[in-house]
C-alpha atoms as a PDB file:
ATOM      1  CA  MET A   1     147.894  84.846 119.434  1.00  0.00           C
ATOM      2  CA  THR A   2     146.065  83.511 122.451  1.00  0.00           C
ATOM      3  CA  VAL A   3     142.409  82.599 122.775  1.00  0.00           C
ATOM      4  CA  ILE A   4     140.615  82.670 126.109  1.00  0.00           C
ATOM      5  CA  ASP A   5     137.509  80.509 126.427  1.00  0.00           C
ATOM      6  CA  SER A   6     134.637  82.913 127.170  1.00  0.00           C
ATOM      7  CA  GLU A   7     130.881  83.392 126.999  1.00  0.00           C
ATOM      8  CA  THR A   8     128.651  86.433 126.549  1.00  0.00           C
ATOM      9  CA  SER A   9     126.150  87.299 129.276  1.00  0.00           C
ATOM     10  CA  ALA A  10     122.568  88.430 128.636  1.00  0.00           C
ATOM     11  CA  ASP A  11     123.607  92.092 128.870  1.00  0.00           C
ATOM     12  CA  GLY A  12     126.357  91.611 126.261  1.00  0.00           C
ATOM     13  CA  ALA A  13     129.313  91.557 128.656  1.00  0.00           C
ATOM     14  CA  VAL A  14     132.019  89.026 127.871  1.00  0.00           C
ATOM     15  CA  LEU A  15     132.665  86.717 130.814  1.00  0.00           C
ATOM     16  CA  ASP A  16     135.618  84.371 130.905  1.00  0.00           C
ATOM     17  CA  ASN A  17     135.279  80.942 132.467  1.00  0.00           C
ATOM     18  CA  ALA A  18     136.927  82.128 135.676  1.00  0.00           C
ATOM     19  CA  ALA A  19     134.014  84.522 136.268  1.00  0.00           C
ATOM     20  CA  LEU A  20     131.498  81.801 135.445  1.00  0.00           C
ATOM     21  CA  THR A  21     132.998  78.786 137.188  1.00  0.00           C
ATOM     22  CA  GLY A  22     135.704  80.033 139.517  1.00  0.00           C
ATOM     23  CA  VAL A  23     138.222  77.954 137.550  1.00  0.00           C
ATOM     24  CA  PRO A  24     141.194  79.847 136.086  1.00  0.00           C
ATOM     25  CA  PRO A  25     140.857  80.375 132.315  1.00  0.00           C
ATOM     26  CA  THR A  26     142.682  78.146 129.878  1.00  0.00           C
ATOM     27  CA  LEU A  27     144.960  79.963 127.467  1.00  0.00           C
ATOM     28  CA  VAL A  28     145.555  78.280 124.131  1.00  0.00           C
ATOM     29  CA  ASP A  29     148.281  79.430 121.749  1.00  0.00           C
ATOM     30  CA  VAL A  30     146.755  79.247 118.271  1.00  0.00           C
ATOM     31  CA  ALA A  31     149.383  81.241 116.354  1.00  0.00           C
ATOM     32  CA  ARG A  32     150.645  78.306 114.283  1.00  0.00           C
ATOM     33  CA  ALA A  33     147.175  76.973 113.517  1.00  0.00           C
ATOM     34  CA  ALA A  34     145.957  80.458 112.561  1.00  0.00           C
ATOM     35  CA  GLY A  35     148.929  81.054 110.250  1.00  0.00           C
ATOM     36  CA  VAL A  36     150.505  83.978 112.131  1.00  0.00           C
ATOM     37  CA  TRP A  37     153.548  82.151 113.467  1.00  0.00           C
ATOM     38  CA  ASP A  38     156.963  83.685 112.812  1.00  0.00           C
ATOM     39  CA  PRO A  39     159.673  81.979 114.869  1.00  0.00           C
ATOM     40  CA  ASN A  40     162.194  84.655 113.818  1.00  0.00           C
ATOM     41  CA  GLY A  41     159.967  87.673 114.478  1.00  0.00           C
ATOM     42  CA  LYS A  42     160.709  89.902 117.415  1.00  0.00           C
ATOM     43  CA  GLY A  43     157.230  91.455 117.613  1.00  0.00           C
ATOM     44  CA  LEU A  44     158.022  95.042 118.535  1.00  0.00           C
ATOM     45  CA  GLY A  45     154.493  96.236 117.738  1.00  0.00           C
ATOM     46  CA  ALA A  46     151.313  95.121 116.000  1.00  0.00           C
ATOM     47  CA  VAL A  47     148.416  96.819 114.230  1.00  0.00           C
ATOM     48  CA  TRP A  48     145.029  95.248 113.500  1.00  0.00           C
ATOM     49  CA  PHE A  49     143.236  96.921 110.569  1.00  0.00           C
ATOM     50  CA  ASP A  50     141.104  96.038 107.551  1.00  0.00           C
ATOM     51  CA  ALA A  51     143.692  96.328 104.778  1.00  0.00           C
ATOM     52  CA  ASP A  52     141.512  94.878 102.011  1.00  0.00           C
ATOM     53  CA  ASN A  53     138.129  96.332 103.072  1.00  0.00           C
ATOM     54  CA  ASP A  54     136.498  92.898 103.450  1.00  0.00           C
ATOM     55  CA  GLY A  55     135.280  93.448 107.013  1.00  0.00           C
ATOM     56  CA  ASP A  56     137.951  91.229 108.616  1.00  0.00           C
ATOM     57  CA  LEU A  57     140.822  92.621 110.659  1.00  0.00           C
ATOM     58  CA  ASP A  58     144.225  91.928 109.107  1.00  0.00           C
ATOM     59  CA  LEU A  59     147.474  91.964 111.095  1.00  0.00           C
ATOM     60  CA  TYR A  60     150.713  93.899 110.538  1.00  0.00           C
ATOM     61  CA  VAL A  61     153.614  93.092 112.895  1.00  0.00           C
ATOM     62  CA  ALA A  62     156.599  95.428 113.094  1.00  0.00           C
ATOM     63  CA  ASN A  63     159.633  93.380 114.087  1.00  0.00           C
ATOM     64  CA  ASP A  64     162.956  94.644 115.358  1.00  0.00           C
ATOM     65  CA  ALA A  65     165.954  93.922 113.105  1.00  0.00           C
ATOM     66  CA  THR A  66     164.094  91.100 111.328  1.00  0.00           C
ATOM     67  CA  ALA A  67     161.600  91.197 108.448  1.00  0.00           C
ATOM     68  CA  ASN A  68     158.162  92.603 109.316  1.00  0.00           C
ATOM     69  CA  ASP A  69     155.028  90.482 108.857  1.00  0.00           C
ATOM     70  CA  PHE A  70     151.673  91.181 107.212  1.00  0.00           C
ATOM     71  CA  TYR A  71     148.880  88.617 107.494  1.00  0.00           C
ATOM     72  CA  ARG A  72     145.586  88.873 105.587  1.00  0.00           C
ATOM     73  CA  ASN A  73     142.600  87.541 107.514  1.00  0.00           C
ATOM     74  CA  ASP A  74     140.880  84.792 105.504  1.00  0.00           C
ATOM     75  CA  GLY A  75     137.697  85.180 107.564  1.00  0.00           C
ATOM     76  CA  ASN A  76     137.712  81.611 108.865  1.00  0.00           C
ATOM     77  CA  GLY A  77     140.108  81.808 111.800  1.00  0.00           C
ATOM     78  CA  ARG A  78     143.122  81.549 109.478  1.00  0.00           C
ATOM     79  CA  PHE A  79     145.469  84.136 107.999  1.00  0.00           C
ATOM     80  CA  THR A  80     147.536  84.202 104.799  1.00  0.00           C
ATOM     81  CA  ASP A  81     151.056  85.624 104.893  1.00  0.00           C
ATOM     82  CA  ARG A  82     151.080  88.476 102.343  1.00  0.00           C
ATOM     83  CA  THR A  83     154.244  90.166 103.588  1.00  0.00           C
ATOM     84  CA  PHE A  84     156.300  89.975 100.407  1.00  0.00           C
ATOM     85  CA  VAL A  85     153.385  90.568  98.022  1.00  0.00           C
ATOM     86  CA  ALA A  86     152.428  93.727  99.933  1.00  0.00           C
ATOM     87  CA  GLY A  87     156.063  94.858  99.950  1.00  0.00           C
ATOM     88  CA  VAL A  88     156.268  95.531 103.681  1.00  0.00           C
ATOM     89  CA  CYS A  89     158.904  93.075 104.873  1.00  0.00           C
ATOM     90  CA  CYS A  90     161.932  95.290 104.530  1.00  0.00           C
ATOM     91  CA  SER A  91     163.286  98.685 103.602  1.00  0.00           C
ATOM     92  CA  GLU A  92     163.464  99.834  99.979  1.00  0.00           C
ATOM     93  CA  ASP A  93     166.940  98.293  99.727  1.00  0.00           C
ATOM     94  CA  GLY A  94     165.667  94.896 100.914  1.00  0.00           C
ATOM     95  CA  LYS A  95     167.090  94.984 104.423  1.00  0.00           C
ATOM     96  CA  PRO A  96     165.131  94.349 107.624  1.00  0.00           C
ATOM     97  CA  GLU A  97     164.528  97.506 109.642  1.00  0.00           C
ATOM     98  CA  SER A  98     163.959  98.231 113.273  1.00  0.00           C
ATOM     99  CA  GLY A  99     160.190  98.369 113.786  1.00  0.00           C
ATOM    100  CA  MET A 100     160.364 101.792 115.397  1.00  0.00           C
ATOM    101  CA  GLY A 101     160.027 103.546 112.047  1.00  0.00           C
ATOM    102  CA  PRO A 102     156.834 104.392 110.172  1.00  0.00           C
ATOM    103  CA  MET A 103     154.675 101.610 108.732  1.00  0.00           C
ATOM    104  CA  PRO A 104     155.179 101.571 104.945  1.00  0.00           C
ATOM    105  CA  VAL A 105     151.644 102.334 103.790  1.00  0.00           C
ATOM    106  CA  MET A 106     149.972 104.704 101.380  1.00  0.00           C
ATOM    107  CA  PRO A 107     146.904 106.696 102.412  1.00  0.00           C
ATOM    108  CA  THR A 108     143.900 106.135 100.169  1.00  0.00           C
ATOM    109  CA  ALA A 109     141.228 108.555  99.033  1.00  0.00           C
ATOM    110  CA  THR A 110     138.921 107.149 101.715  1.00  0.00           C
ATOM    111  CA  ALA A 111     139.397 109.182 104.882  1.00  0.00           C
ATOM    112  CA  GLY A 112     140.870 107.272 107.777  1.00  0.00           C
ATOM    113  CA  ARG A 113     141.793 104.137 105.814  1.00  0.00           C
ATOM    114  CA  ILE A 114     145.158 102.831 104.781  1.00  0.00           C
ATOM    115  CA  CYS A 115     145.951 100.515 101.913  1.00  0.00           C
ATOM    116  CA  LEU A 116     148.786  98.116 101.254  1.00  0.00           C
ATOM    117  CA  SER A 117     149.037  97.567  97.541  1.00  0.00           C
ATOM    118  CA  PRO A 118     148.838  94.985  96.156  1.00  0.00           C
ATOM    119  CA  ILE A 119     147.552  92.546  98.775  1.00  0.00           C
END
């Protein structure tokens, strides 16, 4: 996860510091501090969605041949690893899968939403 220092202009456009100052932007890796660091993950794909309907985007990472990751957004710039509680780390037999398969979720009664249970 990388954060780029930016500002919002009067018309609502997001301008990075390079546009404002002519100085290249500074990229800061905040993955460890945010709680989404997995040194063994191979990050094949990622999905941002509101798994617990609290208004914050949560993160699911499909890894390749290693356990997947699911991070619940705490709403304060930090995430809590809920991978094992949500039951999405591995296949039904407890083995890591290639992340090219379907995300193990159950559709809810609310149209267009998915739910990992329990989170």
